[in-house]
Amino acid sequence: MQGFGTRAIHIGQEPDPYTGAVIPPISLSTTFKQSSIGNHKGYEYSRSSNPTRSAFEQAIASLEKGKYGIAFSSGSAVTATIVTTIGTGGHIISVNDVYGGTNRYFSKVASTQGISTTFTDLLNPYNIESAFRPDTKIVWVETPTNPTLRLVDIQKVAQITHKHGAILVVDNTFMSPYFQNPLELGADIVVHSVTKYINGHSDVVMGVAVMNDNSIYEKLRFLQNAMGAVPSPFDSWLANRGLKTLHVRMKQHQENALAIGKFLESNDKVEEVIYPGLESHPQHDLAKKQAKGFGGMLSFRIKGGFEAADSFLRNIKLFTLAESLGGVESLAEHPAKMTHAALTPEHRETVGVTDNLIRLSVGIEEVNDLIADLQQALEIAVPNNVKRI
């Protein structure tokens, strides 16, 4: 198999056979000519299939080391489509500090279809055993989790999941296929919010699922067409363009995040730094075992509680206070009041989403400039007399 960067640039990107264009043109047509009734070149109607979308699906499947890729109009649409395969009733086991939007879908949408969810602490993978029921269909995990960056042992959870006859879905958004390939560790479906690292430029909303199993593929492909939550050709083209530089960007995201993690860890205005690439992370060894890197996401707890966090986020200059992540630019946010505000206060406390927790999506700017920005904001937010809370 060719290297990651080579596949990212060339899979599904053959030069146009008619014009010789090195970059295939965007196929905006909604319908396609048939030579006779039912005879076509693989495309009939753009909701069902589109050449530009197909090119992206081929490329991302290769990078995740899967057979099939299915693109959707958002990461949330991926979640909804996979859950639909359960039908009425059924049971999901989810890691308890799952992304807030996924928690919201399981708790407030899937529940209206008679589908129940058990949120389980998977810091110890064997905790999952007691959560299984006869009607458990799906186990859903993120690793690292959002925003507390706890890891889930994919291989162990996969073994337990399959023993109980369920399928394992792994949200690989934080790591990207460059650093982690859950299918190789036993996952049945890998999902991404393409909006994040894969596209990488904060200008596309899109999602994707990758799998090896033909029966799972056929179900999801049917639902992709039947439900119609497909990305536009232009979004597919932009995402594919982003994919071509993913390997270059992820290296820089990680290099910057590690440097910032070390800076924050040495800063007396910071209570705790959470980054799998630091030896202080309690699951650092697991991170090295199941992934090829540590990614660009980092969280930390600032001294001084919510007031300090609010002041810090008001005074950053290069980092932008905004939701989302994975773009070339650096972002900062307050999970308890922003991305995870839909969680109950009790749930936030259980999973460690405290009022002094700040999440950073570390971009690819010059790292010294980023550190200087963090330093000046910390100086304003945390006076020298503030003690650890």
Protein backbone atom coordinates (compact mmCIF):
# COMPACT_ATOMS: atom_id res chain seq x y z
CA MET A 1 0.00 0.00 0.00
CA GLN A 2 1.27 3.44 -0.92
CA GLY A 3 1.99 6.06 1.74
CA PHE A 4 -0.72 8.21 3.32
CA GLY A 5 0.12 11.44 1.50
CA THR A 6 0.37 9.69 -1.85
CA ARG A 7 -3.06 8.11 -1.44
CA ALA A 8 -4.57 11.38 -0.19
CA ILE A 9 -3.46 13.16 -3.34
CA HIS A 10 -4.08 10.49 -5.97
CA ILE A 11 -6.93 8.14 -4.96
CA GLY A 12 -10.10 9.11 -6.85
CA GLN A 13 -8.25 11.96 -8.55
CA GLU A 14 -7.37 10.60 -11.98
CA PRO A 15 -6.95 13.34 -14.61
CA ASP A 16 -10.08 14.06 -16.64
CA PRO A 17 -10.15 11.59 -19.57
CA TYR A 18 -11.72 14.10 -21.97
CA THR A 19 -9.73 17.28 -21.32
CA GLY A 20 -6.67 15.98 -19.51
CA ALA A 21 -7.34 18.34 -16.58
CA VAL A 22 -5.08 17.25 -13.73
CA ILE A 23 -7.71 18.24 -11.17
CA PRO A 24 -11.08 16.69 -12.09
CA PRO A 25 -13.80 19.31 -12.56
CA ILE A 26 -16.68 19.71 -10.11
CA SER A 27 -19.71 17.80 -11.35
CA LEU A 28 -22.64 20.13 -10.65
CA SER A 29 -25.18 18.32 -12.79
CA THR A 30 -28.19 16.95 -10.95
CA THR A 31 -29.03 14.35 -13.61
CA PHE A 32 -27.07 12.22 -16.09
CA LYS A 33 -27.71 11.03 -19.63
CA GLN A 34 -28.67 7.39 -20.21
CA SER A 35 -27.83 5.72 -23.51
CA SER A 36 -31.01 3.66 -23.23
CA ILE A 37 -33.52 2.94 -20.49
CA GLY A 38 -31.56 2.01 -17.38
CA ASN A 39 -28.17 2.10 -19.10
CA HIS A 40 -25.85 4.76 -17.74
CA LYS A 41 -22.24 5.33 -16.69
CA GLY A 42 -22.86 4.73 -13.00
CA TYR A 43 -24.70 7.97 -12.32
CA GLU A 44 -28.43 8.69 -12.66
CA TYR A 45 -29.37 11.41 -10.17
CA SER A 46 -27.03 13.42 -8.01
CA ARG A 47 -28.70 12.61 -4.70
CA SER A 48 -28.06 8.92 -5.35
CA SER A 49 -24.50 9.36 -6.54
CA ASN A 50 -22.28 12.11 -7.87
CA PRO A 51 -18.79 11.89 -9.44
CA THR A 52 -17.29 14.57 -7.18
CA ARG A 53 -18.75 12.99 -4.06
CA SER A 54 -17.63 9.54 -5.19
CA ALA A 55 -14.05 10.78 -5.59
CA PHE A 56 -14.03 12.02 -2.00
CA GLU A 57 -15.60 8.79 -0.71
CA GLN A 58 -12.94 6.70 -2.44
CA ALA A 59 -10.13 8.81 -1.01
CA ILE A 60 -11.34 8.85 2.60
CA ALA A 61 -12.04 5.10 2.51
CA SER A 62 -8.45 4.50 1.47
CA LEU A 63 -7.04 6.75 4.19
CA GLU A 64 -9.13 5.01 6.88
CA LYS A 65 -8.03 1.65 5.43
CA GLY A 66 -11.62 0.70 4.69
CA LYS A 67 -13.46 -0.57 1.64
CA TYR A 68 -16.33 1.89 1.54
CA GLY A 69 -16.85 5.58 2.28
CA ILE A 70 -20.26 7.26 2.45
CA ALA A 71 -20.44 11.05 2.65
CA PHE A 72 -23.21 13.03 4.31
CA SER A 73 -24.22 16.66 4.65
CA SER A 74 -22.96 16.86 8.25
CA GLY A 75 -21.51 14.78 11.05
CA SER A 76 -24.90 14.88 12.75
CA ALA A 77 -26.48 13.42 9.61
CA VAL A 78 -24.02 10.52 9.84
CA THR A 79 -25.11 9.90 13.43
CA ALA A 80 -28.81 10.04 12.55
CA THR A 81 -28.40 7.68 9.61
CA ILE A 82 -26.46 5.07 11.57
CA VAL A 83 -28.99 5.18 14.42
CA THR A 84 -31.79 4.70 11.89
CA THR A 85 -30.41 1.24 11.09
CA ILE A 86 -31.55 0.15 14.57
CA GLY A 87 -35.21 0.66 13.71
CA THR A 88 -37.86 1.30 16.35
CA GLY A 89 -36.67 0.32 19.80
CA GLY A 90 -33.21 -0.97 20.50
CA HIS A 91 -30.42 0.16 22.75
CA ILE A 92 -27.17 2.12 22.34
CA ILE A 93 -24.19 2.18 24.68
CA SER A 94 -22.25 5.43 24.42
CA VAL A 95 -19.13 6.67 26.12
CA ASN A 96 -20.36 9.12 28.74
CA ASP A 97 -18.33 12.17 27.66
CA VAL A 98 -19.36 11.95 24.02
CA TYR A 99 -19.61 15.12 21.90
CA GLY A 100 -22.52 17.28 23.08
CA GLY A 101 -24.35 17.10 19.75
CA THR A 102 -24.21 13.32 19.75
CA ASN A 103 -25.45 13.24 23.33
CA ARG A 104 -28.29 15.53 22.33
CA TYR A 105 -29.29 13.30 19.41
CA PHE A 106 -29.24 10.14 21.50
CA SER A 107 -31.09 11.73 24.41
CA LYS A 108 -33.65 13.92 22.67
CA VAL A 109 -34.16 12.51 19.17
CA ALA A 110 -33.39 8.79 19.18
CA SER A 111 -35.36 8.50 22.40
CA THR A 112 -38.53 9.59 20.57
CA GLN A 113 -38.11 6.53 18.34
CA GLY A 114 -38.03 4.22 21.34
CA ILE A 115 -34.24 3.92 21.24
CA SER A 116 -32.61 4.17 24.65
CA THR A 117 -28.99 5.04 25.42
CA THR A 118 -26.78 4.12 28.35
CA PHE A 119 -23.90 6.56 28.86
CA THR A 120 -20.96 4.67 30.34
CA ASP A 121 -17.56 5.65 31.69
CA LEU A 122 -15.15 3.72 29.49
CA LEU A 123 -11.92 4.83 31.11
CA ASN A 124 -11.88 1.17 32.10
CA PRO A 125 -13.09 -0.67 28.98
CA TYR A 126 -14.50 -3.53 31.03
CA ASN A 127 -17.08 -1.17 32.50
CA ILE A 128 -19.03 -1.72 29.32
CA GLU A 129 -19.94 -5.32 30.19
CA SER A 130 -22.65 -4.38 32.67
CA ALA A 131 -24.29 -1.96 30.22
CA PHE A 132 -25.21 -4.57 27.60
CA ARG A 133 -28.82 -5.64 27.19
CA PRO A 134 -30.42 -8.20 24.87
CA ASP A 135 -31.51 -5.35 22.58
CA THR A 136 -28.12 -3.53 22.45
CA LYS A 137 -27.34 -2.84 18.79
CA ILE A 138 -24.60 -0.21 18.77
CA VAL A 139 -21.66 0.82 20.95
CA TRP A 140 -20.59 4.40 20.19
CA VAL A 141 -17.25 5.81 21.33
CA GLU A 142 -14.98 8.77 20.74
CA THR A 143 -11.31 8.56 21.46
CA PRO A 144 -9.96 10.96 22.53
CA THR A 145 -13.23 12.22 23.96
CA ASN A 146 -14.48 15.76 23.55
CA PRO A 147 -13.46 17.89 25.45
CA THR A 148 -11.73 16.00 28.29
CA LEU A 149 -9.46 13.98 25.97
CA ARG A 150 -9.94 10.69 27.75
CA LEU A 151 -9.05 7.64 25.69
CA VAL A 152 -11.02 4.48 25.05
CA ASP A 153 -9.18 1.22 24.34
CA ILE A 154 -10.70 0.50 20.93
CA GLN A 155 -9.37 -3.04 20.62
CA LYS A 156 -10.72 -4.17 23.99
CA VAL A 157 -14.09 -2.49 23.52
CA ALA A 158 -14.38 -4.04 20.05
CA GLN A 159 -13.79 -7.52 21.44
CA ILE A 160 -16.46 -7.08 24.12
CA THR A 161 -18.90 -5.47 21.67
CA HIS A 162 -18.64 -8.28 19.15
CA LYS A 163 -19.00 -10.91 21.87
CA HIS A 164 -22.42 -9.41 22.56
CA GLY A 165 -23.37 -9.26 18.87
CA ALA A 166 -23.39 -5.48 18.56
CA ILE A 167 -21.44 -3.20 16.21
CA LEU A 168 -18.81 -0.67 17.27
CA VAL A 169 -18.86 2.87 15.90
CA VAL A 170 -15.80 5.04 16.57
CA ASP A 171 -15.85 8.80 16.07
CA ASN A 172 -12.32 9.51 14.86
CA THR A 173 -12.77 13.25 14.30
CA PHE A 174 -10.18 14.40 16.85
CA MET A 175 -7.37 12.18 15.55
CA SER A 176 -8.10 12.05 11.81
CA PRO A 177 -7.11 9.00 9.75
CA TYR A 178 -3.55 10.27 9.72
CA PHE A 179 -3.01 9.45 13.38
CA GLN A 180 -5.53 6.66 14.05
CA ASN A 181 -7.32 3.94 12.07
CA PRO A 182 -10.04 2.36 14.25
CA LEU A 183 -11.05 -0.22 11.63
CA GLU A 184 -7.67 -1.87 12.10
CA LEU A 185 -8.40 -2.09 15.84
CA GLY A 186 -11.77 -3.80 15.41
CA ALA A 187 -14.27 -0.99 14.83
CA ASP A 188 -17.11 -1.73 12.40
CA ILE A 189 -17.77 1.89 11.37
CA VAL A 190 -15.54 4.94 11.62
CA VAL A 191 -17.21 8.35 11.48
CA HIS A 192 -15.87 11.86 11.06
CA SER A 193 -17.16 15.35 11.14
CA VAL A 194 -15.44 16.26 7.87
CA THR A 195 -16.02 19.87 8.89
CA LYS A 196 -13.04 19.55 11.21
CA TYR A 197 -9.55 18.24 10.35
CA ILE A 198 -10.38 16.48 7.10
CA ASN A 199 -11.55 19.65 5.39
CA GLY A 200 -9.31 21.72 7.62
CA HIS A 201 -10.29 25.23 6.54
CA SER A 202 -13.51 25.97 8.46
CA ASP A 203 -15.56 26.44 5.31
CA VAL A 204 -17.43 23.13 4.87
CA VAL A 205 -20.10 21.37 6.95
CA MET A 206 -19.98 17.67 6.10
CA GLY A 207 -19.68 14.15 7.55
CA VAL A 208 -18.53 10.70 6.46
CA ALA A 209 -18.73 7.05 7.52
CA VAL A 210 -16.18 4.40 6.52
CA MET A 211 -16.57 0.63 6.86
CA ASN A 212 -15.44 -2.75 5.53
CA ASP A 213 -18.58 -4.83 5.97
CA ASN A 214 -20.68 -5.06 2.81
CA SER A 215 -24.01 -5.47 4.61
CA ILE A 216 -23.42 -2.37 6.73
CA TYR A 217 -22.39 -0.48 3.60
CA GLU A 218 -25.52 -1.49 1.70
CA LYS A 219 -27.79 -0.40 4.57
CA LEU A 220 -26.11 2.98 4.94
CA ARG A 221 -25.86 3.60 1.19
CA PHE A 222 -29.59 2.93 0.85
CA LEU A 223 -30.36 5.31 3.73
CA GLN A 224 -28.01 7.96 2.36
CA ASN A 225 -30.12 8.05 -0.79
CA ALA A 226 -33.50 7.52 0.88
CA MET A 227 -33.00 10.17 3.57
CA GLY A 228 -31.18 12.50 1.21
CA ALA A 229 -28.70 14.06 3.64
CA VAL A 230 -25.94 14.31 1.02
CA PRO A 231 -23.24 16.96 0.66
CA SER A 232 -23.16 19.25 -2.35
CA PRO A 233 -20.61 18.61 -5.11
CA PHE A 234 -18.84 21.84 -4.17
CA ASP A 235 -18.52 20.82 -0.52
CA SER A 236 -17.27 17.40 -1.62
CA TRP A 237 -14.67 19.05 -3.82
CA LEU A 238 -13.52 21.36 -1.03
CA ALA A 239 -13.28 18.45 1.41
CA ASN A 240 -11.24 16.45 -1.07
CA ARG A 241 -8.93 19.40 -1.58
CA GLY A 242 -8.46 19.60 2.20
CA LEU A 243 -7.78 15.88 2.38
CA LYS A 244 -4.75 16.28 0.12
CA THR A 245 -2.89 18.32 2.74
CA LEU A 246 -4.14 16.46 5.81
CA HIS A 247 -0.82 14.69 6.46
CA VAL A 248 1.11 17.96 6.30
CA ARG A 249 -1.33 19.84 8.50
CA MET A 250 -1.68 17.14 11.18
CA LYS A 251 2.07 17.05 11.73
CA GLN A 252 2.07 20.80 12.42
CA HIS A 253 -1.09 20.71 14.54
CA GLN A 254 0.57 18.10 16.74
CA GLU A 255 3.93 19.85 16.94
CA ASN A 256 2.23 23.08 18.02
CA ALA A 257 -0.12 21.36 20.48
CA LEU A 258 2.73 19.55 22.20
CA ALA A 259 4.73 22.76 22.58
CA ILE A 260 1.69 24.60 23.96
CA GLY A 261 0.92 21.71 26.31
CA LYS A 262 4.42 21.88 27.77
CA PHE A 263 4.16 25.67 28.11
CA LEU A 264 0.81 25.48 29.92
CA GLU A 265 2.01 22.64 32.14
CA SER A 266 4.85 24.83 33.38
CA ASN A 267 2.63 27.88 33.93
CA ASP A 268 1.59 28.61 37.52
CA LYS A 269 -1.72 30.11 36.36
CA VAL A 270 -2.89 26.74 35.05
CA GLU A 271 -4.36 24.05 37.26
CA GLU A 272 -4.24 21.09 34.86
CA VAL A 273 -3.31 20.39 31.24
CA ILE A 274 -5.02 17.56 29.36
CA TYR A 275 -3.18 16.38 26.24
CA PRO A 276 -2.47 12.72 25.37
CA GLY A 277 0.97 13.65 24.06
CA LEU A 278 2.16 14.69 27.52
CA GLU A 279 3.61 12.03 29.79
CA SER A 280 1.43 13.46 32.56
CA HIS A 281 -1.69 12.24 30.74
CA PRO A 282 -2.82 9.11 32.61
CA GLN A 283 -3.40 7.25 29.33
CA HIS A 284 -0.27 8.37 27.53
CA ASP A 285 0.83 4.76 27.01
CA LEU A 286 -2.53 3.80 25.46
CA ALA A 287 -2.27 6.80 23.14
CA LYS A 288 1.11 5.53 21.92
CA LYS A 289 -0.25 2.00 21.53
CA GLN A 290 -3.38 2.60 19.45
CA ALA A 291 -2.46 5.75 17.53
CA LYS A 292 0.48 7.08 15.55
CA GLY A 293 0.29 10.53 17.11
CA PHE A 294 -1.57 12.72 19.58
CA GLY A 295 -3.43 15.28 17.49
CA GLY A 296 -3.97 19.01 17.84
CA MET A 297 -6.69 19.20 20.51
CA LEU A 298 -5.81 20.26 24.02
CA SER A 299 -7.81 21.25 27.11
CA PHE A 300 -6.72 22.91 30.33
CA ARG A 301 -8.20 24.08 33.60
CA ILE A 302 -7.36 27.66 34.47
CA LYS A 303 -7.00 28.82 38.08
CA GLY A 304 -9.72 31.17 39.24
CA GLY A 305 -12.87 29.38 38.07
CA PHE A 306 -15.36 30.66 35.51
CA GLU A 307 -14.41 34.31 35.98
CA ALA A 308 -10.80 33.58 35.00
CA ALA A 309 -11.88 31.43 32.06
CA ASP A 310 -14.21 34.17 30.83
CA SER A 311 -11.51 36.82 31.14
CA PHE A 312 -8.96 34.62 29.38
CA LEU A 313 -11.30 34.00 26.45
CA ARG A 314 -12.13 37.71 26.19
CA ASN A 315 -8.45 38.63 25.95
CA ILE A 316 -6.99 36.13 23.49
CA LYS A 317 -5.98 37.74 20.22
CA LEU A 318 -4.60 35.11 17.82
CA PHE A 319 -6.78 32.34 19.17
CA THR A 320 -10.40 33.01 18.21
CA LEU A 321 -13.26 32.40 20.63
CA ALA A 322 -15.44 30.10 18.55
CA GLU A 323 -16.95 26.64 18.45
CA SER A 324 -15.76 23.89 16.09
CA LEU A 325 -12.17 22.74 15.63
CA GLY A 326 -9.63 21.32 13.23
CA GLY A 327 -9.06 24.33 10.99
CA VAL A 328 -5.69 25.85 10.15
CA GLU A 329 -6.49 28.70 12.54
CA SER A 330 -6.35 28.33 16.32
CA LEU A 331 -9.65 28.37 18.23
CA ALA A 332 -10.55 28.43 21.91
CA GLU A 333 -13.88 27.75 23.59
CA HIS A 334 -15.61 27.19 26.92
CA PRO A 335 -17.26 23.74 26.75
CA ALA A 336 -19.56 24.18 29.76
CA LYS A 337 -21.21 27.26 28.21
CA MET A 338 -20.73 26.50 24.52
CA THR A 339 -20.30 23.06 22.93
CA HIS A 340 -21.54 21.09 25.94
CA ALA A 341 -24.14 23.51 27.29
CA ALA A 342 -26.93 21.03 26.41
CA LEU A 343 -25.64 18.61 29.06
CA THR A 344 -27.20 18.78 32.49
CA PRO A 345 -25.00 20.30 35.22
CA GLU A 346 -24.83 16.86 36.85
CA HIS A 347 -23.64 15.23 33.64
CA ARG A 348 -21.05 17.94 33.06
CA GLU A 349 -19.72 17.43 36.56
CA THR A 350 -19.54 13.67 36.08
CA VAL A 351 -17.50 13.92 32.88
CA GLY A 352 -15.24 16.74 34.08
CA VAL A 353 -16.63 19.61 32.02
CA THR A 354 -16.00 22.17 34.75
CA ASP A 355 -16.48 25.93 34.63
CA ASN A 356 -12.72 26.48 34.48
CA LEU A 357 -12.15 24.09 31.55
CA ILE A 358 -10.98 25.65 28.29
CA ARG A 359 -10.63 23.70 25.04
CA LEU A 360 -8.04 24.68 22.44
CA SER A 361 -8.00 23.66 18.80
CA VAL A 362 -4.36 24.39 18.09
CA GLY A 363 -3.80 25.64 14.55
CA ILE A 364 -0.73 25.71 12.36
CA GLU A 365 0.40 29.30 12.94
CA GLU A 366 3.89 30.00 14.26
CA VAL A 367 3.91 28.37 17.68
CA ASN A 368 5.88 31.15 19.41
CA ASP A 369 3.16 33.61 18.45
CA LEU A 370 0.48 31.30 19.83
CA ILE A 371 2.33 30.85 23.12
CA ALA A 372 2.80 34.60 23.45
CA ASP A 373 -0.94 35.07 22.96
CA LEU A 374 -1.78 32.51 25.64
CA GLN A 375 0.74 34.07 28.01
CA GLN A 376 -0.65 37.59 27.74
CA ALA A 377 -4.24 36.36 28.19
CA LEU A 378 -3.26 34.32 31.25
CA GLU A 379 -1.51 37.34 32.78
CA ILE A 380 -4.73 39.35 32.50
CA ALA A 381 -7.10 36.59 33.58
CA VAL A 382 -5.22 35.24 36.59
CA PRO A 383 -3.71 37.76 38.99
CA ASN A 384 -0.63 36.55 40.80
CA ASN A 385 -2.53 36.09 44.08
CA VAL A 386 -5.06 33.61 42.69
CA LYS A 387 -4.58 30.19 44.24
CA ARG A 388 -5.46 26.76 42.94
CA ILE A 389 -9.18 26.03 43.36
